[in-house]
N, C-alpha and C. Protein backbone atom coordinates (compact mmCIF):
# COMPACT_ATOMS: atom_id res chain seq x y z
N MET A 1 123.71 88.60 -83.60
CA MET A 1 124.04 89.70 -84.68
C MET A 1 124.68 89.55 -85.66
N ILE A 2 126.06 89.19 -85.32
CA ILE A 2 127.01 89.05 -86.26
C ILE A 2 126.17 87.38 -87.12
N GLU A 3 125.91 86.75 -86.27
CA GLU A 3 125.69 84.98 -86.89
C GLU A 3 124.91 85.40 -88.11
N HIS A 4 123.42 86.26 -87.72
CA HIS A 4 122.77 86.88 -88.76
C HIS A 4 123.66 87.43 -90.14
N ASP A 5 124.25 88.14 -89.82
CA ASP A 5 125.19 88.72 -90.71
C ASP A 5 125.75 88.00 -92.01
N VAL A 6 126.40 86.91 -90.87
CA VAL A 6 126.90 85.71 -91.97
C VAL A 6 126.23 84.99 -92.64
N LEU A 7 125.05 84.46 -92.27
CA LEU A 7 124.11 83.74 -92.80
C LEU A 7 123.90 84.13 -94.19
N ASP A 8 123.22 85.84 -93.90
CA ASP A 8 122.58 86.89 -94.66
C ASP A 8 123.78 87.02 -96.32
N ARG A 9 124.95 86.73 -95.26
CA ARG A 9 126.08 86.93 -96.44
C ARG A 9 126.43 85.98 -97.36
N ILE A 10 126.48 84.88 -96.85
CA ILE A 10 126.07 83.51 -97.52
C ILE A 10 124.78 83.04 -98.76
N GLN A 11 123.47 83.42 -97.93
CA GLN A 11 122.10 83.91 -98.70
C GLN A 11 122.80 84.54 -99.47
N TYR A 12 123.02 85.89 -99.74
CA TYR A 12 123.29 87.00 -100.77
C TYR A 12 124.31 86.19 -102.11
N PHE A 13 125.41 85.61 -101.69
CA PHE A 13 126.02 84.95 -102.78
C PHE A 13 125.33 83.85 -103.30
N LEU A 14 124.66 82.61 -102.53
CA LEU A 14 123.55 81.88 -103.24
C LEU A 14 122.80 82.40 -104.49
N ARG A 15 122.07 83.71 -103.57
CA ARG A 15 121.10 84.06 -104.56
C ARG A 15 121.91 85.10 -105.90
N PHE A 16 123.15 84.96 -105.91
CA PHE A 16 123.64 86.08 -106.73
C PHE A 16 124.14 85.33 -107.33
N ASN A 17 124.99 83.59 -107.49
CA ASN A 17 125.44 82.99 -108.45
C ASN A 17 123.96 82.19 -108.61
N HIS A 18 122.73 82.15 -108.47
CA HIS A 18 121.57 81.39 -108.29
C HIS A 18 122.06 79.96 -108.27
N TRP A 19 122.78 79.86 -107.41
CA TRP A 19 123.24 78.48 -106.76
C TRP A 19 122.38 77.67 -105.33
N SER A 20 122.04 76.66 -105.40
CA SER A 20 121.31 76.11 -104.53
C SER A 20 122.39 75.54 -103.29
N LEU A 21 122.31 75.14 -102.38
CA LEU A 21 122.90 74.68 -100.96
C LEU A 21 123.39 73.76 -101.61
N TYR A 22 123.01 72.98 -102.58
CA TYR A 22 123.58 71.72 -102.89
C TYR A 22 124.39 71.79 -103.88
N LYS A 23 124.61 72.97 -104.54
CA LYS A 23 125.95 73.45 -105.65
C LYS A 23 126.70 73.98 -104.93
N LEU A 24 126.41 74.94 -103.62
CA LEU A 24 127.70 75.37 -102.57
C LEU A 24 128.39 73.97 -102.26
N ALA A 25 127.74 72.86 -101.75
CA ALA A 25 128.20 71.60 -101.26
C ALA A 25 129.52 71.31 -101.88
N LYS A 26 129.04 71.11 -103.08
CA LYS A 26 129.76 70.14 -104.52
C LYS A 26 130.68 71.19 -104.75
N THR A 27 130.74 72.77 -104.44
CA THR A 27 132.20 73.79 -104.48
C THR A 27 132.99 73.44 -103.33
N SER A 28 132.15 73.38 -102.15
CA SER A 28 132.81 73.97 -101.32
C SER A 28 133.93 72.51 -100.19
N GLY A 29 133.37 71.48 -100.87
CA GLY A 29 133.41 70.04 -100.23
C GLY A 29 133.21 69.73 -99.18
N LEU A 30 131.95 70.65 -98.75
CA LEU A 30 131.23 70.51 -97.48
C LEU A 30 130.03 69.52 -97.87
N PRO A 31 129.83 68.54 -96.65
CA PRO A 31 128.45 67.87 -96.76
C PRO A 31 127.20 68.61 -97.12
N TYR A 32 126.22 68.83 -97.82
CA TYR A 32 125.03 69.30 -97.77
C TYR A 32 124.18 69.06 -96.62
N SER A 33 123.75 68.38 -95.94
CA SER A 33 123.74 67.95 -94.81
C SER A 33 123.81 69.42 -93.66
N SER A 34 125.43 69.63 -93.76
CA SER A 34 125.75 70.55 -92.58
C SER A 34 125.60 71.58 -93.41
N LEU A 35 125.80 71.95 -94.60
CA LEU A 35 125.24 73.17 -94.88
C LEU A 35 123.78 73.74 -94.76
N ASN A 36 122.97 73.04 -95.06
CA ASN A 36 121.36 73.07 -94.54
C ASN A 36 120.88 72.73 -93.19
N ASN A 37 121.56 72.38 -91.89
CA ASN A 37 121.99 72.56 -90.91
C ASN A 37 122.18 73.95 -90.45
N LEU A 38 123.25 74.21 -90.87
CA LEU A 38 123.52 75.58 -90.45
C LEU A 38 122.62 76.76 -91.36
N ILE A 39 121.80 76.62 -92.14
CA ILE A 39 121.18 77.32 -92.87
C ILE A 39 119.71 77.82 -91.95
N ASN A 40 119.15 76.21 -91.67
CA ASN A 40 117.96 76.11 -91.16
C ASN A 40 117.96 76.05 -89.89
N ARG A 41 119.13 75.94 -88.99
CA ARG A 41 119.11 76.53 -87.39
C ARG A 41 119.77 77.93 -87.33
N LYS A 42 120.00 78.46 -88.52
CA LYS A 42 120.80 79.55 -88.00
C LYS A 42 121.73 80.01 -87.20
N THR A 43 122.84 78.75 -87.58
CA THR A 43 123.65 78.86 -86.53
C THR A 43 125.04 79.74 -87.69
N CYS A 44 126.07 79.97 -86.56
CA CYS A 44 127.11 80.76 -87.32
C CYS A 44 128.20 79.79 -87.64
N PRO A 45 128.78 79.62 -88.86
CA PRO A 45 129.59 78.38 -88.97
C PRO A 45 131.06 78.44 -88.44
N THR A 46 131.61 77.71 -88.17
CA THR A 46 132.72 77.86 -87.49
C THR A 46 133.98 78.88 -89.03
N ILE A 47 135.04 78.86 -88.27
CA ILE A 47 136.20 79.73 -89.16
C ILE A 47 136.61 78.81 -90.27
N ALA A 48 136.67 77.51 -89.72
CA ALA A 48 137.16 76.39 -91.11
C ALA A 48 135.90 76.39 -91.55
N THR A 49 134.84 76.02 -91.53
CA THR A 49 133.72 75.82 -92.27
C THR A 49 133.19 77.44 -92.92
N LEU A 50 133.42 78.36 -92.67
CA LEU A 50 133.39 79.57 -93.73
C LEU A 50 134.69 79.63 -94.32
N LYS A 51 135.69 79.50 -94.22
CA LYS A 51 136.63 79.45 -95.63
C LYS A 51 136.62 78.39 -96.32
N LYS A 52 136.01 77.31 -96.04
CA LYS A 52 135.61 76.59 -97.09
C LYS A 52 134.41 76.56 -98.01
N ILE A 53 133.30 77.54 -97.21
CA ILE A 53 131.84 78.01 -98.19
C ILE A 53 133.02 79.18 -98.84
N CYS A 54 134.01 79.95 -98.84
CA CYS A 54 134.23 81.01 -99.25
C CYS A 54 135.17 80.20 -100.55
N ASP A 55 136.20 79.51 -100.06
CA ASP A 55 136.39 78.64 -101.40
C ASP A 55 135.65 78.30 -102.25
N GLY A 56 134.32 77.93 -101.70
CA GLY A 56 133.45 77.37 -102.83
C GLY A 56 133.05 78.61 -103.80
N PHE A 57 132.80 79.63 -103.32
CA PHE A 57 132.61 80.78 -104.07
C PHE A 57 134.01 81.61 -104.33
N GLN A 58 134.83 81.12 -104.28
CA GLN A 58 135.85 81.39 -104.87
C GLN A 58 136.39 83.04 -104.29
N ILE A 59 136.04 83.04 -103.10
CA ILE A 59 136.39 84.42 -102.47
C ILE A 59 137.15 84.22 -101.10
N SER A 60 138.20 85.54 -100.68
CA SER A 60 139.10 85.45 -99.57
C SER A 60 137.83 85.51 -98.53
N LEU A 61 138.36 85.13 -97.27
CA LEU A 61 137.46 85.57 -96.08
C LEU A 61 137.30 87.25 -95.84
N SER A 62 138.18 87.84 -96.26
CA SER A 62 138.82 89.34 -96.26
C SER A 62 137.12 89.77 -97.65
N GLU A 63 137.27 89.14 -98.52
CA GLU A 63 136.05 89.64 -99.29
C GLU A 63 134.94 89.22 -98.64
N PHE A 64 134.63 88.11 -98.22
CA PHE A 64 133.23 87.79 -97.61
C PHE A 64 132.70 88.78 -96.57
N PHE A 65 133.82 89.41 -95.94
CA PHE A 65 133.47 90.14 -94.55
C PHE A 65 132.94 91.60 -95.06
N ASN A 66 133.91 91.83 -96.73
CA ASN A 66 133.46 93.37 -97.03
C ASN A 66 131.92 93.79 -97.72
N PHE A 67 131.53 94.12 -96.40
CA PHE A 67 130.01 94.02 -96.76
C PHE A 67 129.32 95.24 -97.99
N GLU A 68 130.51 95.74 -98.10
CA GLU A 68 130.51 97.37 -99.01
C GLU A 68 130.48 96.52 -100.41
N GLU A 69 131.09 95.55 -100.93
CA GLU A 69 131.30 95.36 -102.05
C GLU A 69 130.97 94.07 -102.11
N ASN A 70 130.80 93.32 -103.43
CA ASN A 70 130.52 92.18 -104.00
C ASN A 70 131.53 91.44 -104.90
N PRO A 71 132.62 90.68 -104.00
CA PRO A 71 133.66 90.50 -104.67
C PRO A 71 133.46 89.57 -106.09
N LEU A 72 132.04 88.90 -106.12
CA LEU A 72 132.07 88.20 -107.09
C LEU A 72 131.35 89.08 -108.56
N ARG A 73 131.06 90.30 -107.92
CA ARG A 73 130.61 90.88 -109.39
C ARG A 73 131.92 91.87 -110.12
N GLU A 74 131.64 91.48 -111.42
CA GLU A 74 133.03 91.77 -112.21
C GLU A 74 132.47 93.41 -112.26
N LYS A 75 133.86 94.22 -111.98
CA LYS A 75 133.71 95.67 -112.11
C LYS A 75 133.25 96.47 -113.26
N ASN A 76 133.81 96.04 -114.15
CA ASN A 76 133.19 96.88 -115.68
C ASN A 76 132.15 96.08 -116.28
N LEU A 77 131.03 95.53 -116.20
CA LEU A 77 130.15 94.94 -116.38
C LEU A 77 128.84 95.75 -115.60
N SER A 78 127.83 95.67 -116.27
CA SER A 78 126.11 96.53 -115.50
C SER A 78 126.28 95.54 -114.73
N THR A 79 125.20 95.77 -114.09
CA THR A 79 124.47 94.85 -113.67
C THR A 79 123.59 93.78 -114.43
N GLU A 80 122.62 94.23 -115.12
CA GLU A 80 122.17 93.69 -116.21
C GLU A 80 123.23 92.54 -117.00
N GLN A 81 123.92 92.96 -117.18
CA GLN A 81 125.31 92.11 -117.86
C GLN A 81 125.72 90.82 -116.80
N GLN A 82 125.88 90.91 -115.52
CA GLN A 82 126.41 90.62 -114.71
C GLN A 82 125.04 89.48 -114.64
N ASP A 83 123.95 89.92 -114.42
CA ASP A 83 122.85 88.99 -114.55
C ASP A 83 123.15 87.89 -115.18
N LEU A 84 122.97 88.42 -116.74
CA LEU A 84 123.23 87.37 -117.60
C LEU A 84 123.63 85.86 -117.64
N ILE A 85 125.21 87.12 -117.13
CA ILE A 85 126.26 86.11 -116.77
C ILE A 85 125.90 84.59 -115.61
N ASN A 86 125.09 85.28 -114.47
CA ASN A 86 125.37 84.56 -113.52
C ASN A 86 124.13 83.44 -113.85
N SER A 87 122.91 83.72 -114.84
CA SER A 87 121.83 82.93 -115.02
C SER A 87 122.50 81.94 -116.05
N TYR A 88 123.62 82.07 -116.87
CA TYR A 88 124.05 81.44 -118.09
C TYR A 88 125.03 80.44 -117.20
N GLU A 89 125.54 80.67 -116.49
CA GLU A 89 126.38 79.82 -115.30
C GLU A 89 125.26 78.68 -114.54
N ALA A 90 124.25 79.27 -114.42
CA ALA A 90 123.23 78.14 -113.99
C ALA A 90 122.71 77.33 -114.47
N LEU A 91 122.92 77.40 -115.93
CA LEU A 91 122.66 76.46 -116.84
C LEU A 91 123.09 75.05 -116.70
N SER A 92 122.33 74.13 -117.83
CA SER A 92 122.81 73.06 -117.88
C SER A 92 123.60 72.81 -118.91
N VAL A 93 124.36 72.03 -119.34
CA VAL A 93 125.58 72.24 -120.68
C VAL A 93 124.43 72.55 -121.80
N LYS A 94 123.60 71.29 -121.55
CA LYS A 94 122.68 71.08 -123.12
C LYS A 94 122.04 72.78 -123.19
N ASP A 95 121.54 73.34 -122.04
CA ASP A 95 120.65 74.35 -122.14
C ASP A 95 122.04 75.78 -122.66
N LYS A 96 123.02 75.77 -122.01
CA LYS A 96 124.07 76.29 -122.29
C LYS A 96 123.76 76.40 -124.17
N GLU A 97 124.58 75.44 -124.69
CA GLU A 97 124.62 75.12 -126.13
C GLU A 97 123.12 75.65 -127.00
N LEU A 98 122.15 75.18 -126.60
CA LEU A 98 120.65 75.73 -126.82
C LEU A 98 120.57 77.71 -126.65
N LEU A 99 121.53 77.84 -125.78
CA LEU A 99 121.32 79.75 -125.48
C LEU A 99 122.22 80.24 -126.38
N GLN A 100 123.34 79.66 -126.83
CA GLN A 100 124.48 79.95 -128.03
C GLN A 100 123.97 80.14 -129.23
N ALA A 101 122.86 78.79 -129.15
CA ALA A 101 122.46 78.59 -130.91
C ALA A 101 122.06 79.63 -131.24
N TYR A 102 120.58 79.85 -130.25
CA TYR A 102 119.53 81.09 -129.95
C TYR A 102 120.03 82.54 -130.32
N LEU A 103 121.43 83.15 -129.31
CA LEU A 103 121.89 84.08 -129.56
C LEU A 103 122.79 84.43 -131.06
N ARG A 104 123.19 83.43 -131.33
CA ARG A 104 123.95 83.23 -132.68
C ARG A 104 123.32 83.72 -133.79
N GLY A 105 121.86 83.10 -133.79
CA GLY A 105 120.59 83.51 -134.62
C GLY A 105 119.92 84.79 -134.38
N LEU A 106 119.66 85.37 -133.29
CA LEU A 106 119.51 86.69 -133.22
C LEU A 106 120.65 87.75 -133.62
N CYS A 107 121.77 87.14 -133.51
CA CYS A 107 122.70 88.31 -133.84
C CYS A 107 122.79 88.08 -135.45
N LYS A 108 122.27 87.37 -136.24
CA LYS A 108 122.62 87.20 -137.59
C LYS A 108 121.99 88.35 -138.23
N LYS A 109 120.65 88.72 -137.25
CA LYS A 109 119.23 89.57 -138.11
C LYS A 109 119.74 90.80 -138.59
C-alpha cells in the first residue's frame, strides 16, 4: 500500500506543478529512464531516490509524507491564483513574455 501512496504523491506533485517526468528528471538530477521505470513498473523508490525527487520539488521528505497538506501551495493564495502561477511556471520563456504583454494590455482597460 505504501508503494502506491508514494507513487500517487509523486504524480500529484507532477500534476500540481504541470511538470512532466522529464522536467522532474532535470530538477532532481535523476535519469529520466529511472523515473519512467519507477512510475511504469509501480515500484517504490529507495530513500536516496526519493530524497532526490523531493529536492527536485524543493520540499523535504517530511513534507512529502505529510499527506494532509501540499507544501508547494502558497498559503495566502487562493486555489485559482495558485493554479495560474503553476500554469505560468510551465510556460516557455517566450510564452511568458507574451502572457505578460497580454496582461499589461488587459490591465490598461
